[in-house]
Each structure stands twice: as C-alpha cells, then as structure tokens.
PDB file of N, CA and C in Angstrom:
ATOM      1  N   UNK A   1      -9.312 -15.870   1.781  1.00  0.00           N
ATOM      2  CA  UNK A   1      -8.022 -16.489   1.603  1.00  0.00           C
ATOM      3  C   UNK A   1      -6.939 -15.427   1.747  1.00  0.00           C
ATOM      4  N   UNK A   2      -5.873 -15.748   2.406  1.00  0.00           N
ATOM      5  CA  UNK A   2      -4.784 -14.809   2.663  1.00  0.00           C
ATOM      6  C   UNK A   2      -3.665 -14.969   1.637  1.00  0.00           C
ATOM      7  N   UNK A   3      -2.822 -13.947   1.545  1.00  0.00           N
ATOM      8  CA  UNK A   3      -1.627 -14.020   0.709  1.00  0.00           C
ATOM      9  C   UNK A   3      -0.645 -15.003   1.333  1.00  0.00           C
ATOM     10  N   UNK A   4       0.419 -15.306   0.596  1.00  0.00           N
ATOM     11  CA  UNK A   4       1.477 -16.177   1.123  1.00  0.00           C
ATOM     12  C   UNK A   4       2.085 -15.540   2.372  1.00  0.00           C
ATOM     13  N   UNK A   5       2.545 -16.383   3.273  1.00  0.00           N
ATOM     14  CA  UNK A   5       3.145 -15.918   4.526  1.00  0.00           C
ATOM     15  C   UNK A   5       4.558 -16.456   4.605  1.00  0.00           C
ATOM     16  N   UNK A   6       5.578 -15.595   4.748  1.00  0.00           N
ATOM     17  CA  UNK A   6       5.499 -14.136   4.899  1.00  0.00           C
ATOM     18  C   UNK A   6       5.474 -13.426   3.553  1.00  0.00           C
ATOM     19  N   UNK A   7       5.120 -12.146   3.585  1.00  0.00           N
ATOM     20  CA  UNK A   7       5.257 -11.254   2.446  1.00  0.00           C
ATOM     21  C   UNK A   7       6.612 -10.565   2.586  1.00  0.00           C
ATOM     22  N   UNK A   8       7.054  -9.899   1.532  1.00  0.00           N
ATOM     23  CA  UNK A   8       8.323  -9.177   1.577  1.00  0.00           C
ATOM     24  C   UNK A   8       8.174  -7.895   0.772  1.00  0.00           C
ATOM     25  N   UNK A   9       8.755  -6.813   1.282  1.00  0.00           N
ATOM     26  CA  UNK A   9       8.759  -5.546   0.573  1.00  0.00           C
ATOM     27  C   UNK A   9      10.183  -5.004   0.634  1.00  0.00           C
ATOM     28  N   UNK A  10      10.618  -4.342  -0.436  1.00  0.00           N
ATOM     29  CA  UNK A  10      11.956  -3.759  -0.475  1.00  0.00           C
ATOM     30  C   UNK A  10      11.827  -2.244  -0.456  1.00  0.00           C
ATOM     31  N   UNK A  11      12.442  -1.616   0.544  1.00  0.00           N
ATOM     32  CA  UNK A  11      12.433  -0.156   0.686  1.00  0.00           C
ATOM     33  C   UNK A  11      13.876   0.306   0.806  1.00  0.00           C
ATOM     34  N   UNK A  12      14.279   1.251  -0.031  1.00  0.00           N
ATOM     35  CA  UNK A  12      15.670   1.725  -0.067  1.00  0.00           C
ATOM     36  C   UNK A  12      16.645   0.571  -0.253  1.00  0.00           C
ATOM     37  N   UNK A  13      16.313  -0.342  -1.147  1.00  0.00           N
ATOM     38  CA  UNK A  13      17.139  -1.497  -1.499  1.00  0.00           C
ATOM     39  C   UNK A  13      17.321  -2.487  -0.352  1.00  0.00           C
ATOM     40  N   UNK A  14      16.499  -2.382   0.688  1.00  0.00           N
ATOM     41  CA  UNK A  14      16.566  -3.305   1.828  1.00  0.00           C
ATOM     42  C   UNK A  14      15.300  -4.155   1.855  1.00  0.00           C
ATOM     43  N   UNK A  15      15.435  -5.473   1.660  1.00  0.00           N
ATOM     44  CA  UNK A  15      14.253  -6.322   1.744  1.00  0.00           C
ATOM     45  C   UNK A  15      13.791  -6.462   3.197  1.00  0.00           C
ATOM     46  N   UNK A  16      12.485  -6.375   3.403  1.00  0.00           N
ATOM     47  CA  UNK A  16      11.909  -6.457   4.742  1.00  0.00           C
ATOM     48  C   UNK A  16      10.898  -7.596   4.763  1.00  0.00           C
ATOM     49  N   UNK A  17      11.104  -8.544   5.647  1.00  0.00           N
ATOM     50  CA  UNK A  17      10.183  -9.660   5.788  1.00  0.00           C
ATOM     51  C   UNK A  17       8.961  -9.211   6.587  1.00  0.00           C
ATOM     52  N   UNK A  18       7.785  -9.601   6.110  1.00  0.00           N
ATOM     53  CA  UNK A  18       6.537  -9.209   6.745  1.00  0.00           C
ATOM     54  C   UNK A  18       5.698 -10.458   7.029  1.00  0.00           C
ATOM     55  N   UNK A  19       5.913 -11.109   8.168  1.00  0.00           N
ATOM     56  CA  UNK A  19       5.076 -12.261   8.503  1.00  0.00           C
ATOM     57  C   UNK A  19       3.639 -11.842   8.807  1.00  0.00           C
ATOM     58  N   UNK A  20       2.704 -12.740   8.547  1.00  0.00           N
ATOM     59  CA  UNK A  20       1.300 -12.459   8.820  1.00  0.00           C
ATOM     60  C   UNK A  20       1.100 -12.293  10.322  1.00  0.00           C
ATOM     61  N   UNK A  21       0.465 -11.195  10.714  1.00  0.00           N
ATOM     62  CA  UNK A  21       0.244 -10.926  12.136  1.00  0.00           C
ATOM     63  C   UNK A  21      -1.229 -10.849  12.494  1.00  0.00           C
ATOM     64  N   UNK A  22      -2.101 -10.786  11.485  1.00  0.00           N
ATOM     65  CA  UNK A  22      -3.524 -10.696  11.768  1.00  0.00           C
ATOM     66  C   UNK A  22      -4.314 -11.186  10.565  1.00  0.00           C
ATOM     67  N   UNK A  23      -5.373 -11.934  10.856  1.00  0.00           N
ATOM     68  CA  UNK A  23      -6.302 -12.378   9.823  1.00  0.00           C
ATOM     69  C   UNK A  23      -7.700 -12.148  10.350  1.00  0.00           C
ATOM     70  N   UNK A  24      -8.536 -11.529   9.556  1.00  0.00           N
ATOM     71  CA  UNK A  24      -9.922 -11.301   9.943  1.00  0.00           C
ATOM     72  C   UNK A  24     -10.816 -11.588   8.763  1.00  0.00           C
ATOM     73  N   UNK A  25     -12.069 -11.260   8.898  1.00  0.00           N
ATOM     74  CA  UNK A  25     -13.011 -11.449   7.806  1.00  0.00           C
ATOM     75  C   UNK A  25     -12.648 -10.476   6.690  1.00  0.00           C
ATOM     76  N   UNK A  26     -12.234 -10.996   5.549  1.00  0.00           N
ATOM     77  CA  UNK A  26     -11.884 -10.207   4.365  1.00  0.00           C
ATOM     78  C   UNK A  26     -10.713  -9.256   4.587  1.00  0.00           C
ATOM     79  N   UNK A  27      -9.800  -9.560   5.523  1.00  0.00           N
ATOM     80  CA  UNK A  27      -8.638  -8.694   5.715  1.00  0.00           C
ATOM     81  C   UNK A  27      -7.489  -9.483   6.335  1.00  0.00           C
ATOM     82  N   UNK A  28      -6.270  -9.023   6.036  1.00  0.00           N
ATOM     83  CA  UNK A  28      -5.051  -9.604   6.602  1.00  0.00           C
ATOM     84  C   UNK A  28      -4.030  -8.498   6.796  1.00  0.00           C
ATOM     85  N   UNK A  29      -3.120  -8.711   7.762  1.00  0.00           N
ATOM     86  CA  UNK A  29      -2.025  -7.770   8.001  1.00  0.00           C
ATOM     87  C   UNK A  29      -0.727  -8.544   8.115  1.00  0.00           C
ATOM     88  N   UNK A  30       0.334  -7.933   7.623  1.00  0.00           N
ATOM     89  CA  UNK A  30       1.684  -8.499   7.641  1.00  0.00           C
ATOM     90  C   UNK A  30       2.596  -7.410   8.202  1.00  0.00           C
ATOM     91  N   UNK A  31       3.337  -7.711   9.259  1.00  0.00           N
ATOM     92  CA  UNK A  31       4.090  -6.681   9.968  1.00  0.00           C
ATOM     93  C   UNK A  31       5.541  -7.082  10.162  1.00  0.00           C
ATOM     94  N   UNK A  32       6.454  -6.122  10.000  1.00  0.00           N
ATOM     95  CA  UNK A  32       7.880  -6.367  10.218  1.00  0.00           C
ATOM     96  C   UNK A  32       8.143  -6.636  11.696  1.00  0.00           C
ATOM     97  N   UNK A  33       9.273  -7.269  11.989  1.00  0.00           N
ATOM     98  CA  UNK A  33       9.627  -7.623  13.370  1.00  0.00           C
ATOM     99  C   UNK A  33       9.709  -6.394  14.268  1.00  0.00           C
ATOM    100  N   UNK A  34      10.175  -5.257  13.716  1.00  0.00           N
ATOM    101  CA  UNK A  34      10.294  -4.042  14.533  1.00  0.00           C
ATOM    102  C   UNK A  34       8.999  -3.228  14.575  1.00  0.00           C
ATOM    103  N   UNK A  35       7.979  -3.678  13.856  1.00  0.00           N
ATOM    104  CA  UNK A  35       6.691  -2.999  13.865  1.00  0.00           C
ATOM    105  C   UNK A  35       6.643  -1.715  13.059  1.00  0.00           C
ATOM    106  N   UNK A  36       7.695  -1.405  12.316  1.00  0.00           N
ATOM    107  CA  UNK A  36       7.743  -0.138  11.582  1.00  0.00           C
ATOM    108  C   UNK A  36       7.130  -0.221  10.181  1.00  0.00           C
ATOM    109  N   UNK A  37       6.934  -1.437   9.664  1.00  0.00           N
ATOM    110  CA  UNK A  37       6.372  -1.607   8.324  1.00  0.00           C
ATOM    111  C   UNK A  37       5.202  -2.587   8.410  1.00  0.00           C
ATOM    112  N   UNK A  38       4.071  -2.194   7.811  1.00  0.00           N
ATOM    113  CA  UNK A  38       2.904  -3.068   7.812  1.00  0.00           C
ATOM    114  C   UNK A  38       2.243  -3.049   6.447  1.00  0.00           C
ATOM    115  N   UNK A  39       1.966  -4.218   5.919  1.00  0.00           N
ATOM    116  CA  UNK A  39       1.214  -4.385   4.685  1.00  0.00           C
ATOM    117  C   UNK A  39      -0.151  -4.922   5.065  1.00  0.00           C
ATOM    118  N   UNK A  40      -1.206  -4.289   4.584  1.00  0.00           N
ATOM    119  CA  UNK A  40      -2.548  -4.787   4.886  1.00  0.00           C
ATOM    120  C   UNK A  40      -3.360  -4.863   3.607  1.00  0.00           C
ATOM    121  N   UNK A  41      -4.255  -5.822   3.586  1.00  0.00           N
ATOM    122  CA  UNK A  41      -5.170  -5.962   2.455  1.00  0.00           C
ATOM    123  C   UNK A  41      -6.567  -6.172   3.012  1.00  0.00           C
ATOM    124  N   UNK A  42      -7.548  -5.625   2.302  1.00  0.00           N
ATOM    125  CA  UNK A  42      -8.926  -5.790   2.749  1.00  0.00           C
ATOM    126  C   UNK A  42      -9.877  -5.679   1.573  1.00  0.00           C
ATOM    127  N   UNK A  43     -11.030  -6.280   1.746  1.00  0.00           N
ATOM    128  CA  UNK A  43     -12.121  -6.173   0.778  1.00  0.00           C
ATOM    129  C   UNK A  43     -13.395  -5.867   1.534  1.00  0.00           C
ATOM    130  N   UNK A  44     -14.141  -4.881   1.049  1.00  0.00           N
ATOM    131  CA  UNK A  44     -15.426  -4.515   1.641  1.00  0.00           C
ATOM    132  C   UNK A  44     -16.497  -4.665   0.575  1.00  0.00           C
ATOM    133  N   UNK A  45     -17.614  -5.239   0.972  1.00  0.00           N
ATOM    134  CA  UNK A  45     -18.693  -5.514   0.037  1.00  0.00           C
ATOM    135  C   UNK A  45     -19.941  -4.758   0.461  1.00  0.00           C
ATOM    136  N   UNK A  46     -20.560  -4.089  -0.476  1.00  0.00           N
ATOM    137  CA  UNK A  46     -21.783  -3.331  -0.234  1.00  0.00           C
ATOM    138  C   UNK A  46     -22.377  -2.980  -1.583  1.00  0.00           C
ATOM    139  N   UNK A  47     -22.808  -1.723  -1.723  1.00  0.00           N
ATOM    140  CA  UNK A  47     -23.315  -1.287  -3.031  1.00  0.00           C
ATOM    141  C   UNK A  47     -22.225  -1.351  -4.074  1.00  0.00           C
ATOM    142  N   UNK A  48     -20.987  -1.201  -3.607  1.00  0.00           N
ATOM    143  CA  UNK A  48     -19.821  -1.362  -4.472  1.00  0.00           C
ATOM    144  C   UNK A  48     -18.831  -2.257  -3.741  1.00  0.00           C
ATOM    145  N   UNK A  49     -17.910  -2.830  -4.490  1.00  0.00           N
ATOM    146  CA  UNK A  49     -16.858  -3.644  -3.890  1.00  0.00           C
ATOM    147  C   UNK A  49     -15.596  -2.793  -3.840  1.00  0.00           C
ATOM    148  N   UNK A  50     -14.992  -2.730  -2.679  1.00  0.00           N
ATOM    149  CA  UNK A  50     -13.796  -1.901  -2.489  1.00  0.00           C
ATOM    150  C   UNK A  50     -12.680  -2.784  -1.960  1.00  0.00           C
ATOM    151  N   UNK A  51     -11.570  -2.826  -2.696  1.00  0.00           N
ATOM    152  CA  UNK A  51     -10.411  -3.614  -2.298  1.00  0.00           C
ATOM    153  C   UNK A  51      -9.230  -2.664  -2.089  1.00  0.00           C
ATOM    154  N   UNK A  52      -8.512  -2.853  -0.985  1.00  0.00           N
ATOM    155  CA  UNK A  52      -7.426  -1.945  -0.635  1.00  0.00           C
ATOM    156  C   UNK A  52      -6.170  -2.752  -0.322  1.00  0.00           C
ATOM    157  N   UNK A  53      -5.059  -2.336  -0.901  1.00  0.00           N
ATOM    158  CA  UNK A  53      -3.732  -2.848  -0.551  1.00  0.00           C
ATOM    159  C   UNK A  53      -2.957  -1.643  -0.036  1.00  0.00           C
ATOM    160  N   UNK A  54      -2.494  -1.730   1.210  1.00  0.00           N
ATOM    161  CA  UNK A  54      -1.915  -0.561   1.874  1.00  0.00           C
ATOM    162  C   UNK A  54      -0.582  -0.918   2.513  1.00  0.00           C
ATOM    163  N   UNK A  55       0.394  -0.016   2.371  1.00  0.00           N
ATOM    164  CA  UNK A  55       1.691  -0.157   3.017  1.00  0.00           C
ATOM    165  C   UNK A  55       1.886   1.027   3.955  1.00  0.00           C
ATOM    166  N   UNK A  56       2.049   0.737   5.250  1.00  0.00           N
ATOM    167  CA  UNK A  56       2.316   1.764   6.258  1.00  0.00           C
ATOM    168  C   UNK A  56       3.785   1.671   6.648  1.00  0.00           C
ATOM    169  N   UNK A  57       4.449   2.810   6.732  1.00  0.00           N
ATOM    170  CA  UNK A  57       5.874   2.852   7.067  1.00  0.00           C
ATOM    171  C   UNK A  57       6.099   3.894   8.161  1.00  0.00           C
ATOM    172  N   UNK A  58       6.845   3.525   9.177  1.00  0.00           N
ATOM    173  CA  UNK A  58       7.200   4.456  10.260  1.00  0.00           C
ATOM    174  C   UNK A  58       8.709   4.489  10.429  1.00  0.00           C
ATOM    175  N   UNK A  59       9.201   5.577  10.980  1.00  0.00           N
ATOM    176  CA  UNK A  59      10.619   5.670  11.323  1.00  0.00           C
ATOM    177  C   UNK A  59      10.800   6.699  12.420  1.00  0.00           C
ATOM    178  N   UNK A  60      11.950   6.639  13.043  1.00  0.00           N
ATOM    179  CA  UNK A  60      12.301   7.597  14.089  1.00  0.00           C
ATOM    180  C   UNK A  60      13.265   8.599  13.471  1.00  0.00           C
ATOM    181  N   UNK A  61      12.987   9.886  13.700  1.00  0.00           N
ATOM    182  CA  UNK A  61      13.800  10.944  13.114  1.00  0.00           C
ATOM    183  C   UNK A  61      13.929  12.101  14.110  1.00  0.00           C
ATOM    184  N   UNK A  62      14.819  13.015  13.813  1.00  0.00           N
ATOM    185  CA  UNK A  62      15.006  14.167  14.699  1.00  0.00           C
ATOM    186  C   UNK A  62      13.759  15.044  14.708  1.00  0.00           C
ATOM    187  N   UNK A  63      13.375  15.504  15.884  1.00  0.00           N
ATOM    188  CA  UNK A  63      12.251  16.420  16.040  1.00  0.00           C
ATOM    189  C   UNK A  63      12.655  17.754  15.413  1.00  0.00           C
ATOM    190  N   UNK A  64      11.885  18.278  14.441  1.00  0.00           N
ATOM    191  CA  UNK A  64      12.275  19.536  13.799  1.00  0.00           C
ATOM    192  C   UNK A  64      12.240  20.736  14.738  1.00  0.00           C
ATOM    193  N   UNK A  65      11.507  20.625  15.848  1.00  0.00           N
ATOM    194  CA  UNK A  65      11.401  21.735  16.787  1.00  0.00           C
ATOM    195  C   UNK A  65      12.410  21.630  17.923  1.00  0.00           C
ATOM    196  N   UNK A  66      12.752  20.398  18.283  1.00  0.00           N
ATOM    197  CA  UNK A  66      13.753  20.153  19.324  1.00  0.00           C
ATOM    198  C   UNK A  66      14.712  19.084  18.778  1.00  0.00           C
ATOM    199  N   UNK A  67      15.696  19.492  17.977  1.00  0.00           N
ATOM    200  CA  UNK A  67      16.571  18.538  17.292  1.00  0.00           C
ATOM    201  C   UNK A  67      17.260  17.518  18.201  1.00  0.00           C
ATOM    202  N   UNK A  68      17.411  17.825  19.475  1.00  0.00           N
ATOM    203  CA  UNK A  68      18.033  16.869  20.393  1.00  0.00           C
ATOM    204  C   UNK A  68      17.106  15.691  20.693  1.00  0.00           C
ATOM    205  N   UNK A  69      15.820  15.844  20.393  1.00  0.00           N
ATOM    206  CA  UNK A  69      14.845  14.775  20.636  1.00  0.00           C
ATOM    207  C   UNK A  69      14.499  14.061  19.342  1.00  0.00           C
ATOM    208  N   UNK A  70      14.094  12.825  19.466  1.00  0.00           N
ATOM    209  CA  UNK A  70      13.629  12.050  18.316  1.00  0.00           C
ATOM    210  C   UNK A  70      12.130  11.844  18.416  1.00  0.00           C
ATOM    211  N   UNK A  71      11.486  11.750  17.251  1.00  0.00           N
ATOM    212  CA  UNK A  71      10.056  11.476  17.200  1.00  0.00           C
ATOM    213  C   UNK A  71       9.803  10.379  16.167  1.00  0.00           C
ATOM    214  N   UNK A  72       8.702   9.682  16.346  1.00  0.00           N
ATOM    215  CA  UNK A  72       8.295   8.676  15.380  1.00  0.00           C
ATOM    216  C   UNK A  72       7.356   9.344  14.385  1.00  0.00           C
ATOM    217  N   UNK A  73       7.637   9.173  13.099  1.00  0.00           N
ATOM    218  CA  UNK A  73       6.795   9.708  12.039  1.00  0.00           C
ATOM    219  C   UNK A  73       6.358   8.543  11.149  1.00  0.00           C
ATOM    220  N   UNK A  74       5.305   8.751  10.391  1.00  0.00           N
ATOM    221  CA  UNK A  74       4.823   7.665   9.549  1.00  0.00           C
ATOM    222  C   UNK A  74       4.206   8.184   8.263  1.00  0.00           C
ATOM    223  N   UNK A  75       4.083   7.278   7.305  1.00  0.00           N
ATOM    224  CA  UNK A  75       3.402   7.569   6.049  1.00  0.00           C
ATOM    225  C   UNK A  75       2.708   6.300   5.589  1.00  0.00           C
ATOM    226  N   UNK A  76       1.771   6.477   4.682  1.00  0.00           N
ATOM    227  CA  UNK A  76       1.058   5.344   4.099  1.00  0.00           C
ATOM    228  C   UNK A  76       0.963   5.537   2.597  1.00  0.00           C
ATOM    229  N   UNK A  77       0.937   4.430   1.899  1.00  0.00           N
ATOM    230  CA  UNK A  77       0.753   4.438   0.453  1.00  0.00           C
ATOM    231  C   UNK A  77      -0.209   3.295   0.150  1.00  0.00           C
ATOM    232  N   UNK A  78      -1.271   3.580  -0.603  1.00  0.00           N
ATOM    233  CA  UNK A  78      -2.198   2.497  -0.866  1.00  0.00           C
ATOM    234  C   UNK A  78      -2.854   2.588  -2.225  1.00  0.00           C
ATOM    235  N   UNK A  79      -3.346   1.432  -2.656  1.00  0.00           N
ATOM    236  CA  UNK A  79      -4.046   1.279  -3.921  1.00  0.00           C
ATOM    237  C   UNK A  79      -5.471   0.872  -3.582  1.00  0.00           C
ATOM    238  N   UNK A  80      -6.440   1.528  -4.201  1.00  0.00           N
ATOM    239  CA  UNK A  80      -7.845   1.206  -3.970  1.00  0.00           C
ATOM    240  C   UNK A  80      -8.491   0.836  -5.302  1.00  0.00           C
ATOM    241  N   UNK A  81      -9.182  -0.273  -5.298  1.00  0.00           N
ATOM    242  CA  UNK A  81      -9.999  -0.678  -6.439  1.00  0.00           C
ATOM    243  C   UNK A  81     -11.445  -0.534  -5.985  1.00  0.00           C
ATOM    244  N   UNK A  82     -12.220   0.296  -6.670  1.00  0.00           N
ATOM    245  CA  UNK A  82     -13.612   0.536  -6.326  1.00  0.00           C
ATOM    246  C   UNK A  82     -14.442   0.165  -7.548  1.00  0.00           C
ATOM    247  N   UNK A  83     -15.153  -0.949  -7.472  1.00  0.00           N
ATOM    248  CA  UNK A  83     -15.878  -1.480  -8.633  1.00  0.00           C
ATOM    249  C   UNK A  83     -17.335  -1.754  -8.266  1.00  0.00           C
ATOM    250  N   UNK A  84     -18.189  -1.890  -9.281  1.00  0.00           N
ATOM    251  CA  UNK A  84     -19.587  -2.220  -8.994  1.00  0.00           C
ATOM    252  C   UNK A  84     -19.686  -3.524  -8.203  1.00  0.00           C
ATOM    253  N   UNK A  85     -20.728  -3.639  -7.394  1.00  0.00           N
ATOM    254  CA  UNK A  85     -20.949  -4.865  -6.631  1.00  0.00           C
ATOM    255  C   UNK A  85     -20.956  -6.058  -7.577  1.00  0.00           C
ATOM    256  N   UNK A  86     -20.388  -7.147  -7.109  1.00  0.00           N
ATOM    257  CA  UNK A  86     -20.289  -8.386  -7.882  1.00  0.00           C
ATOM    258  C   UNK A  86     -19.467  -8.230  -9.156  1.00  0.00           C
ATOM    259  N   UNK A  87     -18.681  -7.135  -9.219  1.00  0.00           N
ATOM    260  CA  UNK A  87     -17.827  -6.869 -10.383  1.00  0.00           C
ATOM    261  C   UNK A  87     -18.616  -6.775 -11.689  1.00  0.00           C
ATOM    262  N   UNK A  88     -19.882  -6.376 -11.627  1.00  0.00           N
ATOM    263  CA  UNK A  88     -20.723  -6.293 -12.813  1.00  0.00           C
ATOM    264  C   UNK A  88     -20.053  -5.413 -13.860  1.00  0.00           C
ATOM    265  N   UNK A  89     -19.792  -5.976 -15.017  1.00  0.00           N
ATOM    266  CA  UNK A  89     -19.180  -5.248 -16.117  1.00  0.00           C
ATOM    267  C   UNK A  89     -17.668  -5.188 -16.058  1.00  0.00           C
ATOM    268  N   UNK A  90     -17.065  -5.592 -14.939  1.00  0.00           N
ATOM    269  CA  UNK A  90     -15.612  -5.547 -14.779  1.00  0.00           C
ATOM    270  C   UNK A  90     -15.111  -6.890 -14.266  1.00  0.00           C
ATOM    271  N   UNK A  91     -14.592  -7.686 -15.167  1.00  0.00           N
ATOM    272  CA  UNK A  91     -13.983  -8.946 -14.757  1.00  0.00           C
ATOM    273  C   UNK A  91     -12.670  -8.633 -14.043  1.00  0.00           C
ATOM    274  N   UNK A  92     -12.105  -9.632 -13.416  1.00  0.00           N
ATOM    275  CA  UNK A  92     -10.783  -9.451 -12.805  1.00  0.00           C
ATOM    276  C   UNK A  92      -9.784  -8.985 -13.857  1.00  0.00           C
ATOM    277  N   UNK A  93      -9.861  -9.552 -15.067  1.00  0.00           N
ATOM    278  CA  UNK A  93      -8.953  -9.147 -16.155  1.00  0.00           C
ATOM    279  C   UNK A  93      -9.166  -7.685 -16.531  1.00  0.00           C
ATOM    280  N   UNK A  94     -10.431  -7.223 -16.592  1.00  0.00           N
ATOM    281  CA  UNK A  94     -10.706  -5.808 -16.891  1.00  0.00           C
ATOM    282  C   UNK A  94     -10.099  -4.898 -15.834  1.00  0.00           C
ATOM    283  N   UNK A  95     -10.281  -5.264 -14.570  1.00  0.00           N
ATOM    284  CA  UNK A  95      -9.747  -4.468 -13.472  1.00  0.00           C
ATOM    285  C   UNK A  95      -8.221  -4.412 -13.539  1.00  0.00           C
ATOM    286  N   UNK A  96      -7.607  -5.539 -13.834  1.00  0.00           N
ATOM    287  CA  UNK A  96      -6.151  -5.591 -13.951  1.00  0.00           C
ATOM    288  C   UNK A  96      -5.666  -4.720 -15.104  1.00  0.00           C
ATOM    289  N   UNK A  97      -6.398  -4.694 -16.210  1.00  0.00           N
ATOM    290  CA  UNK A  97      -6.025  -3.866 -17.359  1.00  0.00           C
ATOM    291  C   UNK A  97      -6.055  -2.383 -16.998  1.00  0.00           C
ATOM    292  N   UNK A  98      -7.072  -1.953 -16.223  1.00  0.00           N
ATOM    293  CA  UNK A  98      -7.141  -0.553 -15.790  1.00  0.00           C
ATOM    294  C   UNK A  98      -5.971  -0.243 -14.860  1.00  0.00           C
ATOM    295  N   UNK A  99      -5.690  -1.156 -13.919  1.00  0.00           N
ATOM    296  CA  UNK A  99      -4.541  -0.971 -13.023  1.00  0.00           C
ATOM    297  C   UNK A  99      -3.237  -0.896 -13.825  1.00  0.00           C
ATOM    298  N   UNK A 100      -3.061  -1.793 -14.787  1.00  0.00           N
ATOM    299  CA  UNK A 100      -1.846  -1.779 -15.612  1.00  0.00           C
ATOM    300  C   UNK A 100      -1.677  -0.446 -16.322  1.00  0.00           C
ATOM    301  N   UNK A 101      -2.779   0.127 -16.808  1.00  0.00           N
ATOM    302  CA  UNK A 101      -2.709   1.429 -17.461  1.00  0.00           C
ATOM    303  C   UNK A 101      -2.249   2.517 -16.504  1.00  0.00           C
ATOM    304  N   UNK A 102      -2.797   2.521 -15.290  1.00  0.00           N
ATOM    305  CA  UNK A 102      -2.383   3.509 -14.289  1.00  0.00           C
ATOM    306  C   UNK A 102      -0.932   3.297 -13.885  1.00  0.00           C
ATOM    307  N   UNK A 103      -0.563   2.046 -13.624  1.00  0.00           N
ATOM    308  CA  UNK A 103       0.813   1.739 -13.224  1.00  0.00           C
ATOM    309  C   UNK A 103       1.803   2.176 -14.302  1.00  0.00           C
ATOM    310  N   UNK A 104       1.490   1.857 -15.557  1.00  0.00           N
ATOM    311  CA  UNK A 104       2.395   2.223 -16.647  1.00  0.00           C
ATOM    312  C   UNK A 104       2.481   3.733 -16.811  1.00  0.00           C
ATOM    313  N   UNK A 105       1.365   4.438 -16.676  1.00  0.00           N
ATOM    314  CA  UNK A 105       1.371   5.903 -16.773  1.00  0.00           C
ATOM    315  C   UNK A 105       2.208   6.507 -15.651  1.00  0.00           C
ATOM    316  N   UNK A 106       2.073   5.966 -14.465  1.00  0.00           N
ATOM    317  CA  UNK A 106       2.804   6.496 -13.313  1.00  0.00           C
ATOM    318  C   UNK A 106       4.298   6.223 -13.415  1.00  0.00           C
ATOM    319  N   UNK A 107       4.675   5.179 -14.134  1.00  0.00           N
ATOM    320  CA  UNK A 107       6.078   4.772 -14.179  1.00  0.00           C
ATOM    321  C   UNK A 107       6.831   5.281 -15.405  1.00  0.00           C
ATOM    322  N   UNK A 108       6.215   6.154 -16.199  1.00  0.00           N
ATOM    323  CA  UNK A 108       6.908   6.690 -17.371  1.00  0.00           C
ATOM    324  C   UNK A 108       8.163   7.417 -16.909  1.00  0.00           C
ATOM    325  N   UNK A 109       9.292   7.116 -17.546  1.00  0.00           N
ATOM    326  CA  UNK A 109      10.565   7.693 -17.112  1.00  0.00           C
ATOM    327  C   UNK A 109      10.894   7.177 -15.721  1.00  0.00           C
ATOM    328  N   UNK A 110      11.683   7.896 -14.963  1.00  0.00           N
ATOM    329  CA  UNK A 110      12.015   7.451 -13.598  1.00  0.00           C
ATOM    330  C   UNK A 110      10.904   7.842 -12.617  1.00  0.00           C
ATOM    331  N   UNK A 111       9.706   7.257 -12.825  1.00  0.00           N
ATOM    332  CA  UNK A 111       8.531   7.566 -12.002  1.00  0.00           C
ATOM    333  C   UNK A 111       8.201   9.051 -12.029  1.00  0.00           C
ATOM    334  N   UNK A 112       8.320   9.650 -13.199  1.00  0.00           N
ATOM    335  CA  UNK A 112       8.123  11.089 -13.362  1.00  0.00           C
ATOM    336  C   UNK A 112       6.781  11.564 -12.829  1.00  0.00           C
ATOM    337  N   UNK A 113       5.697  10.876 -13.188  1.00  0.00           N
ATOM    338  CA  UNK A 113       4.376  11.318 -12.752  1.00  0.00           C
ATOM    339  C   UNK A 113       4.252  11.253 -11.232  1.00  0.00           C
ATOM    340  N   UNK A 114       4.731  10.186 -10.627  1.00  0.00           N
ATOM    341  CA  UNK A 114       4.661  10.056  -9.168  1.00  0.00           C
ATOM    342  C   UNK A 114       5.567  11.089  -8.507  1.00  0.00           C
ATOM    343  N   UNK A 115       6.758  11.301  -9.041  1.00  0.00           N
ATOM    344  CA  UNK A 115       7.666  12.300  -8.478  1.00  0.00           C
ATOM    345  C   UNK A 115       7.009  13.673  -8.508  1.00  0.00           C
ATOM    346  N   UNK A 116       6.352  14.010  -9.608  1.00  0.00           N
ATOM    347  CA  UNK A 116       5.669  15.297  -9.709  1.00  0.00           C
ATOM    348  C   UNK A 116       4.489  15.376  -8.742  1.00  0.00           C
ATOM    349  N   UNK A 117       3.737  14.281  -8.620  1.00  0.00           N
ATOM    350  CA  UNK A 117       2.618  14.249  -7.678  1.00  0.00           C
ATOM    351  C   UNK A 117       3.114  14.476  -6.250  1.00  0.00           C
ATOM    352  N   UNK A 118       4.189  13.804  -5.872  1.00  0.00           N
ATOM    353  CA  UNK A 118       4.739  13.945  -4.517  1.00  0.00           C
ATOM    354  C   UNK A 118       5.284  15.354  -4.271  1.00  0.00           C
ATOM    355  N   UNK A 119       5.637  16.053  -5.333  1.00  0.00           N
ATOM    356  CA  UNK A 119       6.112  17.428  -5.211  1.00  0.00           C
ATOM    357  C   UNK A 119       4.950  18.425  -5.209  1.00  0.00           C
ATOM    358  N   UNK A 120       3.714  17.923  -5.317  1.00  0.00           N
ATOM    359  CA  UNK A 120       2.554  18.804  -5.239  1.00  0.00           C
ATOM    360  C   UNK A 120       1.940  19.196  -6.564  1.00  0.00           C
ATOM    361  N   UNK A 121       2.457  18.663  -7.671  1.00  0.00           N
ATOM    362  CA  UNK A 121       1.889  18.998  -8.975  1.00  0.00           C
ATOM    363  C   UNK A 121       0.625  18.200  -9.208  1.00  0.00           C
ATOM    364  N   UNK A 122      -0.216  18.739 -10.066  1.00  0.00           N
ATOM    365  CA  UNK A 122      -1.414  18.001 -10.464  1.00  0.00           C
ATOM    366  C   UNK A 122      -1.686  18.284 -11.936  1.00  0.00           C
TER     367      UNK A 122
END
C-alpha cells in the first residue's frame, strides 16, 4: 500500500509538492516537478525487516573550482528501521516508541544534537 498522493515536504519554509512517480513491490517514490526533490519509501524482508524513508535533494550551485560554471550537487537524509523478521518482539507501537525517543533526543533545543552531528561531532 502506498502513502497518500501527493506527498508534501517543506524545505527552507517552502512547501514542495511530491506526486507519486513510481510504485513497485514494497516501494514507492514521490518526485517534485523539477526533479530536484524525491521522497522514497521501501520495505525489505529477509532475516530481518528493513524499512527506509529517504529524502533526496539536489540543487544547482557555483562550481567551487570554476565559479563561472554551475554544477548539480545533491544530498540525502534517511531513516532506517531494522527489526527482527516478522517484527518478533517489536510491535509497531514498540518501534514507534524507539523512534520517538531518537526523534526527541535529536530535537533537544534547536536541533542541537543534529547540528553537532552535521558539524562532525560524535
């Protein structure tokens, strides 16, 4: 089953519409009209169950080596849930509680932990 279509993400206070552009077995993709933003979700089943929610972002910026030229650069940010097969011992509620703990820890203050992580601290 896929998420609602379209999805929306806000980056730098700008909401971006992401209509569904691909559906496959256990995966979906939602892409902006300009192709610079993509949200994807997937689930893989094996010895463990792995679920991924990923946001890819691209932009055009000045080439640091030849400032007169522009280059396309990109980044990705994603959340991975890796649980025992069939969620043995971890209900959806248990998994959500662990995620809530991580999310709350990361958001203490003005995203202090994430800001420090992005600056290279550990």
